[in-house]
Amino acid sequence: MENTDVATFLKSGDPVDESKRVTYFYQGSGNKLYCNLEISQVKKNDSGVYTCVAYRAGIIVTRKFVLKTGKLV
């Protein structure tokens, strides 16, 4: 697995399954690994803490972000 790039997304610690509304992909470039999560037709229950877990060249990196849904002001 040393030369393999792997990335996944978690929501509140549980794996995020891809669907018609939810897609993600990752792309490596040099020493960097970019993770992208796209949620269309966002629903209230999409709110939460999301984590991208990426593995590249023997290193695991995580990044968290919070999605809050509600009315636009």
N, C-alpha and C. Protein backbone atom coordinates (compact mmCIF):
# COMPACT_ATOMS: atom_id res chain seq x y z
N MET A 1 0.83 -1.20 0.00
CA MET A 1 0.00 0.00 0.00
C MET A 1 0.87 1.26 0.00
N GLU A 2 2.15 1.13 0.15
CA GLU A 2 3.07 2.26 0.23
C GLU A 2 2.91 3.24 -0.93
N ASN A 3 2.71 2.77 -2.14
CA ASN A 3 2.62 3.65 -3.30
C ASN A 3 1.18 3.90 -3.75
N THR A 4 0.24 3.59 -2.90
CA THR A 4 -1.17 3.72 -3.24
C THR A 4 -1.76 4.97 -2.59
N ASP A 5 -2.53 5.74 -3.36
CA ASP A 5 -3.27 6.88 -2.81
C ASP A 5 -4.67 6.40 -2.47
N VAL A 6 -5.12 6.71 -1.28
CA VAL A 6 -6.46 6.32 -0.86
C VAL A 6 -7.07 7.50 -0.10
N ALA A 7 -8.32 7.76 -0.35
CA ALA A 7 -9.01 8.81 0.40
C ALA A 7 -10.47 8.41 0.57
N THR A 8 -11.03 8.80 1.68
CA THR A 8 -12.44 8.55 1.94
C THR A 8 -12.97 9.68 2.83
N PHE A 9 -14.29 9.76 2.92
CA PHE A 9 -14.92 10.75 3.78
C PHE A 9 -15.73 10.05 4.86
N LEU A 10 -15.71 10.66 6.04
CA LEU A 10 -16.50 10.19 7.17
C LEU A 10 -17.43 11.33 7.59
N LYS A 11 -18.60 10.96 8.08
CA LYS A 11 -19.51 11.94 8.68
C LYS A 11 -19.77 11.46 10.10
N SER A 12 -19.35 12.25 11.07
CA SER A 12 -19.47 11.89 12.48
C SER A 12 -18.86 10.51 12.73
N GLY A 13 -17.76 10.21 12.05
CA GLY A 13 -17.05 8.95 12.26
C GLY A 13 -17.50 7.78 11.41
N ASP A 14 -18.61 7.92 10.69
CA ASP A 14 -19.13 6.83 9.85
C ASP A 14 -18.82 7.11 8.38
N PRO A 15 -18.50 6.06 7.61
CA PRO A 15 -18.21 6.26 6.19
C PRO A 15 -19.36 6.93 5.44
N VAL A 16 -19.01 7.82 4.53
CA VAL A 16 -20.00 8.49 3.67
C VAL A 16 -20.13 7.65 2.41
N ASP A 17 -21.34 7.17 2.14
CA ASP A 17 -21.60 6.38 0.94
C ASP A 17 -21.92 7.31 -0.22
N GLU A 18 -21.33 7.01 -1.37
CA GLU A 18 -21.65 7.80 -2.55
C GLU A 18 -23.04 7.42 -3.05
N SER A 19 -23.71 8.40 -3.64
CA SER A 19 -25.07 8.19 -4.16
C SER A 19 -25.29 9.19 -5.30
N LYS A 20 -26.53 9.32 -5.73
CA LYS A 20 -26.84 10.33 -6.76
C LYS A 20 -26.62 11.73 -6.22
N ARG A 21 -26.80 11.93 -4.91
CA ARG A 21 -26.64 13.24 -4.29
C ARG A 21 -25.24 13.50 -3.75
N VAL A 22 -24.54 12.44 -3.41
CA VAL A 22 -23.25 12.58 -2.73
C VAL A 22 -22.15 11.90 -3.54
N THR A 23 -21.17 12.69 -3.94
CA THR A 23 -20.03 12.14 -4.67
C THR A 23 -18.74 12.70 -4.08
N TYR A 24 -17.68 11.95 -4.19
CA TYR A 24 -16.39 12.47 -3.78
C TYR A 24 -15.30 11.87 -4.65
N PHE A 25 -14.20 12.58 -4.72
CA PHE A 25 -13.05 12.09 -5.46
C PHE A 25 -11.79 12.67 -4.85
N TYR A 26 -10.69 12.07 -5.18
CA TYR A 26 -9.42 12.59 -4.73
C TYR A 26 -8.44 12.56 -5.89
N GLN A 27 -7.43 13.39 -5.78
CA GLN A 27 -6.47 13.53 -6.87
C GLN A 27 -5.11 13.86 -6.25
N GLY A 28 -4.09 13.13 -6.66
CA GLY A 28 -2.76 13.38 -6.15
C GLY A 28 -1.96 14.24 -7.11
N SER A 29 -1.11 15.09 -6.54
CA SER A 29 -0.24 15.94 -7.34
C SER A 29 1.01 16.21 -6.52
N GLY A 30 2.15 15.66 -6.96
CA GLY A 30 3.38 15.84 -6.19
C GLY A 30 3.23 15.23 -4.81
N ASN A 31 3.49 16.02 -3.79
CA ASN A 31 3.37 15.54 -2.41
C ASN A 31 1.97 15.77 -1.84
N LYS A 32 1.06 16.25 -2.66
CA LYS A 32 -0.26 16.64 -2.15
C LYS A 32 -1.34 15.68 -2.64
N LEU A 33 -2.38 15.55 -1.82
CA LEU A 33 -3.54 14.76 -2.17
C LEU A 33 -4.76 15.63 -1.89
N TYR A 34 -5.55 15.90 -2.91
CA TYR A 34 -6.72 16.76 -2.80
C TYR A 34 -7.98 15.92 -2.71
N CYS A 35 -8.82 16.21 -1.72
CA CYS A 35 -10.09 15.51 -1.54
C CYS A 35 -11.23 16.48 -1.81
N ASN A 36 -12.23 16.02 -2.52
CA ASN A 36 -13.40 16.85 -2.82
C ASN A 36 -14.67 16.08 -2.52
N LEU A 37 -15.58 16.71 -1.79
CA LEU A 37 -16.88 16.13 -1.46
C LEU A 37 -17.94 17.06 -2.03
N GLU A 38 -18.89 16.50 -2.78
CA GLU A 38 -19.97 17.30 -3.34
C GLU A 38 -21.29 16.70 -2.92
N ILE A 39 -22.13 17.54 -2.32
CA ILE A 39 -23.47 17.13 -1.91
C ILE A 39 -24.47 18.02 -2.64
N SER A 40 -25.30 17.43 -3.47
CA SER A 40 -26.32 18.21 -4.16
C SER A 40 -27.65 18.07 -3.42
N GLN A 41 -28.53 18.99 -3.67
CA GLN A 41 -29.85 18.97 -3.01
C GLN A 41 -29.68 18.76 -1.51
N VAL A 42 -28.90 19.63 -0.88
CA VAL A 42 -28.56 19.51 0.53
C VAL A 42 -29.82 19.46 1.40
N LYS A 43 -29.81 18.54 2.34
CA LYS A 43 -30.93 18.36 3.26
C LYS A 43 -30.47 18.68 4.68
N LYS A 44 -31.45 18.90 5.56
CA LYS A 44 -31.14 19.25 6.94
C LYS A 44 -30.26 18.20 7.60
N ASN A 45 -30.51 16.92 7.33
CA ASN A 45 -29.74 15.87 7.99
C ASN A 45 -28.34 15.70 7.39
N ASP A 46 -27.98 16.51 6.38
CA ASP A 46 -26.62 16.51 5.86
C ASP A 46 -25.69 17.29 6.78
N SER A 47 -26.26 18.07 7.71
CA SER A 47 -25.44 18.82 8.66
C SER A 47 -24.58 17.85 9.47
N GLY A 48 -23.39 18.27 9.80
CA GLY A 48 -22.54 17.44 10.64
C GLY A 48 -21.07 17.74 10.43
N VAL A 49 -20.25 16.96 11.11
CA VAL A 49 -18.80 17.08 11.00
C VAL A 49 -18.32 16.03 10.01
N TYR A 50 -17.69 16.50 8.94
CA TYR A 50 -17.16 15.62 7.90
C TYR A 50 -15.63 15.60 8.03
N THR A 51 -15.06 14.43 7.75
CA THR A 51 -13.61 14.27 7.81
C THR A 51 -13.13 13.59 6.53
N CYS A 52 -12.14 14.18 5.91
CA CYS A 52 -11.47 13.53 4.79
C CYS A 52 -10.26 12.81 5.38
N VAL A 53 -10.15 11.52 5.11
CA VAL A 53 -9.01 10.73 5.54
C VAL A 53 -8.25 10.31 4.29
N ALA A 54 -7.02 10.78 4.16
CA ALA A 54 -6.23 10.52 2.96
C ALA A 54 -4.93 9.82 3.34
N TYR A 55 -4.53 8.87 2.49
CA TYR A 55 -3.30 8.13 2.70
C TYR A 55 -2.45 8.26 1.44
N ARG A 56 -1.21 8.65 1.63
CA ARG A 56 -0.30 8.77 0.48
C ARG A 56 1.13 8.60 0.96
N ALA A 57 1.85 7.72 0.30
CA ALA A 57 3.27 7.51 0.59
C ALA A 57 3.54 7.23 2.07
N GLY A 58 2.70 6.40 2.67
CA GLY A 58 2.90 6.02 4.06
C GLY A 58 2.46 7.03 5.09
N ILE A 59 1.82 8.10 4.67
CA ILE A 59 1.38 9.15 5.59
C ILE A 59 -0.14 9.25 5.54
N ILE A 60 -0.77 9.33 6.70
CA ILE A 60 -2.22 9.52 6.80
C ILE A 60 -2.47 10.96 7.23
N VAL A 61 -3.33 11.64 6.50
CA VAL A 61 -3.69 13.03 6.81
C VAL A 61 -5.20 13.11 6.94
N THR A 62 -5.67 13.83 7.92
CA THR A 62 -7.12 14.04 8.07
C THR A 62 -7.41 15.53 8.11
N ARG A 63 -8.55 15.91 7.56
CA ARG A 63 -9.03 17.29 7.60
C ARG A 63 -10.52 17.24 7.93
N LYS A 64 -10.92 18.05 8.90
CA LYS A 64 -12.33 18.09 9.30
C LYS A 64 -12.96 19.41 8.87
N PHE A 65 -14.25 19.34 8.58
CA PHE A 65 -15.00 20.56 8.33
C PHE A 65 -16.43 20.33 8.79
N VAL A 66 -17.12 21.43 9.04
CA VAL A 66 -18.49 21.36 9.54
C VAL A 66 -19.44 21.90 8.48
N LEU A 67 -20.49 21.15 8.22
CA LEU A 67 -21.54 21.59 7.31
C LEU A 67 -22.77 21.91 8.14
N LYS A 68 -23.23 23.15 8.04
CA LYS A 68 -24.45 23.57 8.72
C LYS A 68 -25.48 23.91 7.68
N THR A 69 -26.65 23.36 7.81
CA THR A 69 -27.72 23.67 6.86
C THR A 69 -28.72 24.61 7.54
N GLY A 70 -29.46 25.30 6.73
CA GLY A 70 -30.45 26.23 7.25
C GLY A 70 -30.77 27.26 6.20
N LYS A 71 -31.48 28.27 6.58
CA LYS A 71 -31.84 29.33 5.65
C LYS A 71 -30.65 30.21 5.34
N LEU A 72 -30.57 30.62 4.08
CA LEU A 72 -29.57 31.61 3.71
C LEU A 72 -30.05 32.98 4.17
N VAL A 73 -29.16 33.76 4.69
CA VAL A 73 -29.54 35.06 5.21
C VAL A 73 -29.09 36.14 4.26
